[in-house]
């Protein structure tokens, strides 16, 4: 049940108040009982709502995936043209104070820990700039003492002359801390709820600051109040039922768009991948399911950016670029210093598409797509 009595972890207002009016089991049942009539109604709609989204991610929509893909492709081309934006993740540290059952950086994993120095950060930057990247995603584990705001702020100061757009995926911060980083040039923040199922969330995050479900849930509200230009949302598929988690992600997106209407939004679709001491998915999500979901998000919102990482296979990524995706990474390394400093250190998770940046660019161009190296143009 979504609405749990956890007042000690909650703040009044924001998405929490909306979230607490919904029940996980009820919403999942609503999705599973959608009919072909519901799907056809959603496909005919000029503007789709969350109930239409439920129909489009339901089992009843499976026979309509081809039709959904055609509509999704047309909407994506209309809004974004024949373009794919390229970005690169750069892992700064694998220090982490949390226990997360699905992550290679978890505190309980006995691995060598590393945090990049200024010189090592610049060495990684030089490698990525040589590849052509102008949009970078800085990633750390959640270890406030080691890689807290001062470390992240310093990293942004070091590299901001080299990139048009700097995005971070780090521990959730307070609003005032986001204010400080925005002033330094922070452009976007990715913060994934992992799962919106509270009991399952607690099971997978038993210790550390991340165990506070509501603090994490409130993070996009703090980002919106801080005026971050773009917020990235998502769930980790495999922890719980992907359809219900996707519905709550869409609910979150629509709330944020209405509340912080000047902000841009993106959705990512990470599926549980192997790592050291790995966790098997509780609920499997096949390739056809993921195609259905990506198309459903595009049909729900033609403006939202949809991102595809190297977690996915070559074959899958080759096909999804025409069905709704607007950005993708290439040649990703998920360990600190993985590009040029220490390629052999432990990765956060295994990647699937190991092609070089040049190979990905060639693939995209062969499909008639233009490669965009920085994020979509924004104005002050």
Protein backbone atom coordinates (compact mmCIF):
# COMPACT_ATOMS: atom_id res chain seq x y z
CA UNK A 1 0.00 0.00 0.00
CA UNK A 2 1.42 3.37 -1.00
CA UNK A 3 -0.15 5.41 1.76
CA UNK A 4 1.69 4.32 4.88
CA UNK A 5 1.84 6.03 8.26
CA UNK A 6 5.43 7.27 8.34
CA UNK A 7 5.08 10.76 9.78
CA UNK A 8 8.62 10.79 11.13
CA UNK A 9 9.94 10.60 7.56
CA UNK A 10 7.48 13.00 5.95
CA UNK A 11 7.22 16.67 5.23
CA UNK A 12 3.90 18.38 4.69
CA UNK A 13 2.96 19.21 1.11
CA UNK A 14 4.54 18.44 -2.21
CA UNK A 15 4.19 15.20 -4.12
CA UNK A 16 3.95 13.27 -0.85
CA UNK A 17 0.40 14.49 -0.32
CA UNK A 18 -0.57 13.34 -3.80
CA UNK A 19 1.25 10.02 -3.44
CA UNK A 20 -0.44 9.21 -0.14
CA UNK A 21 -3.87 9.30 -1.77
CA UNK A 22 -2.91 6.34 -3.99
CA UNK A 23 -2.75 2.65 -3.16
CA UNK A 24 -0.20 0.42 -4.93
CA UNK A 25 -2.38 -2.69 -5.12
CA UNK A 26 -5.41 -0.74 -6.30
CA UNK A 27 -3.46 0.99 -9.08
CA UNK A 28 -1.83 -2.25 -10.21
CA UNK A 29 -5.21 -3.97 -10.36
CA UNK A 30 -6.58 -1.06 -12.36
CA UNK A 31 -3.77 -1.50 -14.90
CA UNK A 32 -4.15 -5.27 -15.14
CA UNK A 33 -7.90 -5.07 -15.77
CA UNK A 34 -7.74 -2.60 -18.65
CA UNK A 35 -9.44 -3.91 -21.79
CA UNK A 36 -8.82 -3.66 -25.52
CA UNK A 37 -11.54 -0.99 -25.62
CA UNK A 38 -9.54 1.07 -23.10
CA UNK A 39 -6.41 0.66 -25.23
CA UNK A 40 -8.16 1.65 -28.45
CA UNK A 41 -9.68 4.69 -26.74
CA UNK A 42 -6.23 5.75 -25.53
CA UNK A 43 -4.75 5.33 -28.99
CA UNK A 44 -7.47 7.52 -30.54
CA UNK A 45 -7.13 10.29 -27.96
CA UNK A 46 -5.67 13.62 -29.04
CA UNK A 47 -4.32 14.27 -25.54
CA UNK A 48 -3.78 11.33 -23.22
CA UNK A 49 -4.15 11.29 -19.43
CA UNK A 50 -2.89 8.95 -16.73
CA UNK A 51 -5.80 6.58 -17.18
CA UNK A 52 -4.88 6.28 -20.86
CA UNK A 53 -1.29 5.63 -19.78
CA UNK A 54 -2.51 2.74 -17.61
CA UNK A 55 -4.22 1.23 -20.64
CA UNK A 56 -1.11 1.62 -22.80
CA UNK A 57 1.12 -0.21 -20.30
CA UNK A 58 -1.45 -2.92 -19.57
CA UNK A 59 -1.31 -6.53 -20.80
CA UNK A 60 -4.27 -5.66 -23.02
CA UNK A 61 -2.01 -3.31 -25.03
CA UNK A 62 0.47 -6.02 -26.07
CA UNK A 63 -1.23 -6.70 -29.44
CA UNK A 64 -1.06 -2.96 -30.17
CA UNK A 65 2.69 -2.46 -29.67
CA UNK A 66 3.33 -1.99 -33.40
CA UNK A 67 0.67 0.71 -33.61
CA UNK A 68 2.03 2.35 -30.46
CA UNK A 69 5.55 2.28 -31.92
CA UNK A 70 4.43 3.99 -35.12
CA UNK A 71 2.63 6.74 -33.19
CA UNK A 72 5.55 7.14 -30.80
CA UNK A 73 8.03 7.42 -33.65
CA UNK A 74 5.92 10.08 -35.38
CA UNK A 75 5.51 12.14 -32.19
CA UNK A 76 9.22 11.93 -31.40
CA UNK A 77 10.20 13.04 -34.89
CA UNK A 78 7.67 15.88 -34.76
CA UNK A 79 9.05 17.21 -31.47
CA UNK A 80 12.77 16.33 -31.62
CA UNK A 81 13.45 15.82 -35.33
CA UNK A 82 15.90 13.15 -36.50
CA UNK A 83 18.27 13.70 -33.60
CA UNK A 84 19.79 11.77 -30.72
CA UNK A 85 21.58 13.61 -27.94
CA UNK A 86 24.79 11.97 -26.69
CA UNK A 87 25.98 12.11 -23.09
CA UNK A 88 28.64 10.38 -21.02
CA UNK A 89 28.52 9.36 -17.36
CA UNK A 90 31.69 10.06 -15.38
CA UNK A 91 31.94 8.23 -12.07
CA UNK A 92 33.82 10.29 -9.48
CA UNK A 93 33.66 7.93 -6.50
CA UNK A 94 32.39 4.50 -5.41
CA UNK A 95 32.34 5.46 -1.72
CA UNK A 96 28.87 4.80 -0.29
CA UNK A 97 27.30 4.80 3.17
CA UNK A 98 24.11 3.05 2.07
CA UNK A 99 23.20 -0.61 1.91
CA UNK A 100 21.38 -1.26 -1.37
CA UNK A 101 20.77 -4.87 -2.30
CA UNK A 102 21.11 -4.27 -6.06
CA UNK A 103 24.22 -2.05 -6.24
CA UNK A 104 27.89 -2.93 -6.57
CA UNK A 105 28.82 0.14 -4.48
CA UNK A 106 26.74 -0.99 -1.47
CA UNK A 107 28.44 -0.52 1.92
CA UNK A 108 28.33 -4.26 2.56
CA UNK A 109 30.35 -5.10 -0.56
CA UNK A 110 34.01 -5.52 0.37
CA UNK A 111 35.52 -3.72 -2.60
CA UNK A 112 38.39 -1.26 -3.05
CA UNK A 113 37.00 2.26 -2.70
CA UNK A 114 38.23 5.13 -4.81
CA UNK A 115 37.46 8.84 -5.10
CA UNK A 116 39.03 10.76 -7.96
CA UNK A 117 41.46 13.59 -7.29
CA UNK A 118 41.32 16.86 -9.20
CA UNK A 119 44.07 15.68 -11.53
CA UNK A 120 42.25 12.38 -12.18
CA UNK A 121 38.98 14.20 -12.87
CA UNK A 122 40.70 16.35 -15.47
CA UNK A 123 42.31 13.26 -17.00
CA UNK A 124 38.87 11.68 -17.42
CA UNK A 125 37.54 14.95 -18.86
CA UNK A 126 40.34 15.04 -21.43
CA UNK A 127 39.38 11.53 -22.60
CA UNK A 128 35.69 12.39 -22.97
CA UNK A 129 36.36 15.69 -24.73
CA UNK A 130 38.56 13.87 -27.22
CA UNK A 131 35.54 11.67 -27.96
CA UNK A 132 33.39 14.73 -28.62
CA UNK A 133 31.15 14.87 -25.55
CA UNK A 134 29.76 18.23 -24.47
CA UNK A 135 27.16 16.93 -22.00
CA UNK A 136 28.44 15.09 -18.93
CA UNK A 137 26.73 13.22 -16.11
CA UNK A 138 28.70 13.21 -12.83
CA UNK A 139 27.96 10.15 -10.67
CA UNK A 140 29.00 9.25 -7.12
CA UNK A 141 27.95 6.86 -4.42
CA UNK A 142 26.05 8.34 -1.50
CA UNK A 143 28.76 9.27 0.99
CA UNK A 144 28.23 12.77 2.30
CA UNK A 145 31.51 13.01 4.22
CA UNK A 146 33.65 11.96 1.28
CA UNK A 147 31.72 13.22 -1.73
CA UNK A 148 29.35 15.75 -0.25
CA UNK A 149 28.47 19.19 -1.59
CA UNK A 150 32.01 20.64 -1.27
CA UNK A 151 33.44 17.80 -3.40
CA UNK A 152 30.66 18.04 -6.00
CA UNK A 153 30.93 21.84 -6.11
CA UNK A 154 34.68 21.57 -6.65
CA UNK A 155 34.17 19.05 -9.46
CA UNK A 156 31.72 21.36 -11.22
CA UNK A 157 34.15 24.27 -10.90
CA UNK A 158 36.92 22.11 -12.36
CA UNK A 159 35.03 21.00 -15.46
CA UNK A 160 32.39 23.62 -16.26
CA UNK A 161 34.61 25.35 -18.83
CA UNK A 162 34.78 22.05 -20.75
CA UNK A 163 31.06 21.18 -21.03
CA UNK A 164 27.92 23.01 -22.12
CA UNK A 165 25.78 20.98 -19.72
CA UNK A 166 26.60 19.36 -16.39
CA UNK A 167 24.19 16.87 -14.85
CA UNK A 168 24.64 15.05 -11.54
CA UNK A 169 23.38 11.76 -10.14
CA UNK A 170 24.43 11.82 -6.49
CA UNK A 171 22.78 11.54 -3.07
CA UNK A 172 19.60 13.61 -2.60
CA UNK A 173 20.41 17.02 -1.14
CA UNK A 174 18.59 19.79 0.68
CA UNK A 175 17.11 22.66 -1.32
CA UNK A 176 19.78 25.10 -0.13
CA UNK A 177 22.52 22.74 -1.30
CA UNK A 178 20.95 22.55 -4.75
CA UNK A 179 20.81 26.36 -4.76
CA UNK A 180 24.56 26.41 -4.17
CA UNK A 181 25.29 23.98 -7.01
CA UNK A 182 22.94 25.72 -9.46
CA UNK A 183 24.85 28.94 -8.80
CA UNK A 184 28.04 27.10 -9.85
CA UNK A 185 26.54 26.00 -13.17
CA UNK A 186 24.64 22.77 -12.42
CA UNK A 187 22.14 22.17 -15.22
CA UNK A 188 20.24 18.98 -14.43
CA UNK A 189 19.80 16.35 -11.71
CA UNK A 190 18.80 12.70 -12.06
CA UNK A 191 17.15 11.17 -9.01
CA UNK A 192 15.47 7.78 -9.31
CA UNK A 193 13.03 6.61 -6.69
CA UNK A 194 14.16 3.02 -7.47
CA UNK A 195 10.70 1.73 -6.53
CA UNK A 196 7.55 3.52 -5.37
CA UNK A 197 6.50 0.42 -3.40
CA UNK A 198 7.30 1.41 0.18
CA UNK A 199 7.70 -2.05 1.72
CA UNK A 200 9.93 -3.22 -1.12
CA UNK A 201 11.88 0.04 -0.99
CA UNK A 202 12.67 -0.51 2.68
CA UNK A 203 13.71 -4.12 2.01
CA UNK A 204 16.26 -3.01 -0.59
CA UNK A 205 17.50 0.02 1.39
CA UNK A 206 17.80 -1.20 5.00
CA UNK A 207 20.56 1.19 6.12
CA UNK A 208 21.87 4.64 5.32
CA UNK A 209 20.24 7.95 4.46
CA UNK A 210 18.69 6.36 1.39
CA UNK A 211 16.48 4.23 3.65
CA UNK A 212 14.32 7.33 4.21
CA UNK A 213 11.67 6.76 1.53
CA UNK A 214 9.95 10.11 1.90
CA UNK A 215 13.11 12.20 1.85
CA UNK A 216 13.99 10.66 -1.50
CA UNK A 217 10.41 11.05 -2.76
CA UNK A 218 10.53 14.75 -1.88
CA UNK A 219 13.81 15.36 -3.78
CA UNK A 220 12.28 16.47 -7.11
CA UNK A 221 10.20 19.02 -5.19
CA UNK A 222 13.37 20.45 -3.67
CA UNK A 223 14.94 20.51 -7.13
CA UNK A 224 11.96 22.34 -8.58
CA UNK A 225 12.10 24.94 -5.80
CA UNK A 226 15.84 25.39 -6.44
CA UNK A 227 15.18 26.16 -10.10
CA UNK A 228 17.17 23.28 -11.57
CA UNK A 229 16.76 23.45 -15.34
CA UNK A 230 15.97 19.74 -15.83
CA UNK A 231 14.94 16.87 -13.53
CA UNK A 232 15.34 13.22 -14.47
CA UNK A 233 12.99 10.57 -13.03
CA UNK A 234 12.84 6.81 -13.20
CA UNK A 235 12.41 3.48 -11.41
CA UNK A 236 14.77 0.51 -11.34
CA UNK A 237 12.81 -2.20 -13.12
CA UNK A 238 13.14 -5.58 -11.45
CA UNK A 239 12.59 -4.57 -7.83
CA UNK A 240 8.81 -4.62 -8.14
CA UNK A 241 6.08 -4.80 -10.79
CA UNK A 242 7.25 -2.57 -13.64
CA UNK A 243 3.75 -1.49 -14.60
CA UNK A 244 2.88 -0.11 -11.18
CA UNK A 245 6.28 1.57 -10.78
CA UNK A 246 5.86 3.14 -14.21
CA UNK A 247 2.42 4.47 -13.31
CA UNK A 248 3.78 6.13 -10.17
CA UNK A 249 6.68 7.57 -12.19
CA UNK A 250 4.16 9.05 -14.63
CA UNK A 251 2.06 10.36 -11.73
CA UNK A 252 5.18 12.01 -10.30
CA UNK A 253 6.05 13.51 -13.69
CA UNK A 254 2.61 15.03 -14.20
CA UNK A 255 2.59 16.52 -10.70
CA UNK A 256 6.02 18.09 -11.25
CA UNK A 257 5.13 19.47 -14.69
CA UNK A 258 2.08 21.20 -13.22
CA UNK A 259 3.90 22.49 -10.14
CA UNK A 260 7.27 23.48 -11.63
CA UNK A 261 6.19 24.31 -15.15
CA UNK A 262 9.40 26.13 -16.13
CA UNK A 263 11.45 22.96 -15.56
CA UNK A 264 12.21 20.32 -18.22
CA UNK A 265 11.94 16.60 -17.49
CA UNK A 266 13.46 13.34 -18.63
CA UNK A 267 12.65 9.70 -17.97
CA UNK A 268 15.18 6.86 -17.82
CA UNK A 269 14.44 3.14 -18.01
CA UNK A 270 17.12 1.20 -16.07
CA UNK A 271 16.59 -2.54 -15.81
CA UNK A 272 18.31 -4.45 -13.03
CA UNK A 273 21.76 -5.49 -14.26
CA UNK A 274 24.34 -7.91 -12.77
CA UNK A 275 26.89 -6.62 -10.27
CA UNK A 276 29.18 -7.99 -7.56
CA UNK A 277 26.97 -10.08 -5.24
CA UNK A 278 24.06 -9.33 -7.54
CA UNK A 279 20.32 -9.44 -6.98
CA UNK A 280 18.01 -11.39 -9.27
CA UNK A 281 14.98 -9.40 -10.52
CA UNK A 282 11.79 -10.04 -8.56
CA UNK A 283 9.70 -9.22 -11.63
CA UNK A 284 11.16 -9.81 -15.08
CA UNK A 285 10.78 -7.13 -17.72
CA UNK A 286 11.31 -8.33 -21.28
CA UNK A 287 12.40 -6.31 -24.30
CA UNK A 288 8.84 -6.14 -25.64
CA UNK A 289 7.68 -4.80 -22.25
CA UNK A 290 10.31 -2.06 -22.36
CA UNK A 291 9.38 -1.07 -25.92
CA UNK A 292 5.73 -0.88 -24.82
CA UNK A 293 6.65 1.32 -21.86
CA UNK A 294 8.86 3.71 -23.84
CA UNK A 295 6.13 4.16 -26.44
CA UNK A 296 3.52 4.67 -23.71
CA UNK A 297 5.55 7.48 -22.15
CA UNK A 298 5.92 9.15 -25.53
CA UNK A 299 2.20 8.88 -26.19
CA UNK A 300 1.52 10.35 -22.75
CA UNK A 301 3.89 13.29 -23.26
CA UNK A 302 5.50 14.28 -26.56
CA UNK A 303 7.84 16.79 -24.87
CA UNK A 304 9.46 14.60 -22.20
CA UNK A 305 12.99 13.42 -22.98
CA UNK A 306 13.50 9.63 -22.92
CA UNK A 307 16.99 8.33 -22.21
CA UNK A 308 18.54 4.95 -23.01
CA UNK A 309 21.76 3.86 -21.30
CA UNK A 310 24.35 1.21 -22.12
CA UNK A 311 22.60 -1.17 -19.71
CA UNK A 312 20.68 -2.31 -22.80
CA UNK A 313 21.97 -4.53 -25.61
CA UNK A 314 23.33 -3.39 -28.97
CA UNK A 315 20.34 -4.84 -30.80
CA UNK A 316 17.80 -3.20 -28.52
CA UNK A 317 19.47 0.21 -28.68
CA UNK A 318 19.81 0.02 -32.45
CA UNK A 319 16.03 -0.30 -32.76
CA UNK A 320 14.79 1.97 -29.97
CA UNK A 321 16.39 5.10 -31.45
CA UNK A 322 13.47 5.45 -33.85
CA UNK A 323 10.71 4.55 -31.39
CA UNK A 324 10.87 7.33 -28.81
CA UNK A 325 14.36 7.63 -27.31
CA UNK A 326 15.91 11.11 -27.50
CA UNK A 327 19.24 10.62 -25.72
CA UNK A 328 21.74 7.83 -25.13
CA UNK A 329 25.12 7.19 -23.62
CA UNK A 330 27.98 5.32 -25.29
CA UNK A 331 31.20 3.63 -24.19
CA UNK A 332 30.09 4.12 -20.59
CA UNK A 333 32.26 3.16 -17.64
CA UNK A 334 30.52 2.73 -14.29
CA UNK A 335 33.61 2.80 -12.09
CA UNK A 336 35.58 5.85 -10.91
CA UNK A 337 38.42 6.53 -13.32
CA UNK A 338 37.13 3.90 -15.72
CA UNK A 339 37.93 5.81 -18.92
CA UNK A 340 41.60 6.60 -18.37
CA UNK A 341 42.71 6.31 -14.73
CA UNK A 342 41.86 2.79 -13.54
CA UNK A 343 39.85 0.85 -16.12
CA UNK A 344 39.94 -2.43 -14.19
CA UNK A 345 38.34 -1.31 -10.92
CA UNK A 346 34.91 -2.61 -9.87
CA UNK A 347 31.94 -1.28 -11.83
CA UNK A 348 28.63 -0.31 -10.23
CA UNK A 349 26.85 -2.63 -12.65
CA UNK A 350 27.67 -4.42 -15.88
CA UNK A 351 26.98 -2.63 -19.13
CA UNK A 352 25.60 -4.53 -22.11
CA UNK A 353 26.36 -2.31 -25.12
CA UNK A 354 30.15 -2.08 -25.11
CA UNK A 355 30.60 -0.42 -28.49
CA UNK A 356 32.87 2.62 -28.76
CA UNK A 357 31.53 6.13 -29.12
CA UNK A 358 32.64 6.11 -32.75
CA UNK A 359 30.73 2.89 -33.44
CA UNK A 360 27.55 4.28 -31.86
CA UNK A 361 27.84 7.50 -33.86
CA UNK A 362 28.31 5.51 -37.06
CA UNK A 363 25.24 3.39 -36.24
CA UNK A 364 23.10 6.47 -35.62
CA UNK A 365 24.24 8.20 -38.81
CA UNK A 366 23.59 5.03 -40.82
CA UNK A 367 19.98 5.23 -39.62
CA UNK A 368 19.63 8.83 -40.80
CA UNK A 369 19.95 10.38 -37.36
CA UNK A 370 21.87 13.53 -36.47
CA UNK A 371 24.09 13.28 -33.39
CA UNK A 372 23.70 16.16 -30.92
CA UNK A 373 26.63 16.53 -28.55
CA UNK A 374 25.17 18.88 -25.99
CA UNK A 375 21.80 19.07 -24.31
CA UNK A 376 18.95 20.85 -26.05
CA UNK A 377 19.60 24.59 -26.22
CA UNK A 378 18.37 26.53 -23.21
CA UNK A 379 18.09 30.22 -22.51
CA UNK A 380 18.64 32.19 -19.32
